Amino acid sequence: MRDKPEIQRKPELLMPASSLEVLKTAVIFGADAVYIGGEAFSLRAKAKNFSPAEMAEGIAFAHDRGARVYVTANILAHNGDLEAAAGYFAELRDMQPERCDALIISDPGMFAVARRVWPEAEIHISTQANNTNYETYLFWQQMGVKRVVSARELTLAELRQIREHIPDELEIESFVHGAMCISYSGRCLLSNYFTGRDANRGACTHPCRWKYAVVEETRPGEYMPVYENDRGTFIFNSKDLCMIDHIPELLEAGIDSLKVEGRMKTALYVATIARAYRSAIDDCLSSEELYRKNLDRYLAEVSQCTNRRYTTGFYFGRPDEEAQIYDSSTYVNEYVYLGIVDDTCTRGSLCAQRKEAPDSMEPAALECSDAQPDVRLVGIEQRNKFFVGDIIEIMRPDGDDREAVVKAMYDENGNPMDSCPRPKQRIWLELSRQAEKYDLLRAVADKERSAG
């Protein structure tokens, strides 16, 4: 056993990415690493996940900015999965021009296949493997593993004990933010039982969030709601995990990677959480006094994001009734995601583009005002409907957010529009404040946004 680790052990901020857009957003907004799923063998089968081409582009984007990419292959495999898994690991091994930085695996059979196909691959052992003690960590290190993801049921005291009993080079990764599963280390059978979709093979339907009633055996048809108390019926409905106000304790425990859950989340969610934790970690490493001074700001920022209210999970002992939500299974959501700036141009260049394709426009749209050809426009792929005249917010990686009025809106051919009704429509915006590439545009939810 060795001395308690120093608080200055610098952790990695590890963010989820459901798509190429979200991967880029995570890196730009402060992630040291991202974890993604390919088109097979991931526990988030309903996530968009990455094609080989998208994975290659995402890895190159991250590596160019000093970030790492981990690929999940953490299903609990059946016999029929193993041959295809070998082919999948070979594809990852042969990916050009760059490979992923590590594989995340939970099943020993999948581990054996990966080792055989790609012996030099760095492997991280998933939380699904139920990693609850230091002997388990030492076992996996003897198998050549560099990192083990802790079980969510561990307390900070137990994590400190693990760190004291394992070598410095063996890394601990722990979830610090996001949705909590009601089953042991996420090993859930409810989805399979109710719907035939296996949560341990990537197809969870989240039945723990459903509303339940009880039927007594001799009284068929008489449904009695399941009440834990007089506030509601969602008996498995945990609040979300949030440890942003306990960064010093996480660092003191010697955790190497602070992991955020959420490979089904939007770019807005990932940007908000990444930026808040990036600031909190950096401030704490600089000075705990600075971190404490800015704590209200971090908490306010993560509270703006989609959540089920927050709890500290198991970190300070067994959760009590306050960790559950009894009155609703819905999320709190303060902002609406509009899109991320991926390009810029001028009104004059868009006008020229429009003149080159007259067949795609109404005759009236051919009139192009050249009075202000240098007016700057930003391009986005629209995610939610908004209007010319709306007041929106430009969310920036450096935290210098700013409100802006949508002064004009054009479709991909340069035709003016009053709003953008089609999901994922390519549009160009003239804003009253400047936005840069990779800035994110959002709007306050359920609020009148017109500038009048």
Foldseek 3Di string as FASTA:
>chain_A
DDDFDDLLQAAFEEEEALFLLLLLLLLQLAGQEYEFEDCFQALANVRNGDYLVSVLVSQVSQVVSNHAYEYENAFQDDPVCLVVLLVVLLCQQPRPDDHGQAYEYAYVSSVVSNCVNPVPHAYEYALLNAAQALVSLVVVVVVVHQEYEHWLQDALVRLLVNVVPDDLRRAYEYEAWWADFLDGSQCDDPQCVPPVAHSSGRGRPPPLLDWDWDDDPVRPPDTHGDDPDDQAGSVNQFWIGHCLVPSSSVSSSPHHYHYYDDSRDDSVLSSQLNNLSSVLSVQVSVPVVSNVVCVVVSVVSNLQAKTRDYDNRDHPHHDDPVRHDGHHSGTDHFKAFFWFFADKDWLLVLLVLLCVCVVVDDPVQNDRDPPGRRQMKTKTQTADKDFQQFWKWWQRSVRPIDIKGFNWKAFPNRGTDGMDHDHRTIMITRIPDDHDGGTTIMHTPPDDGGPD
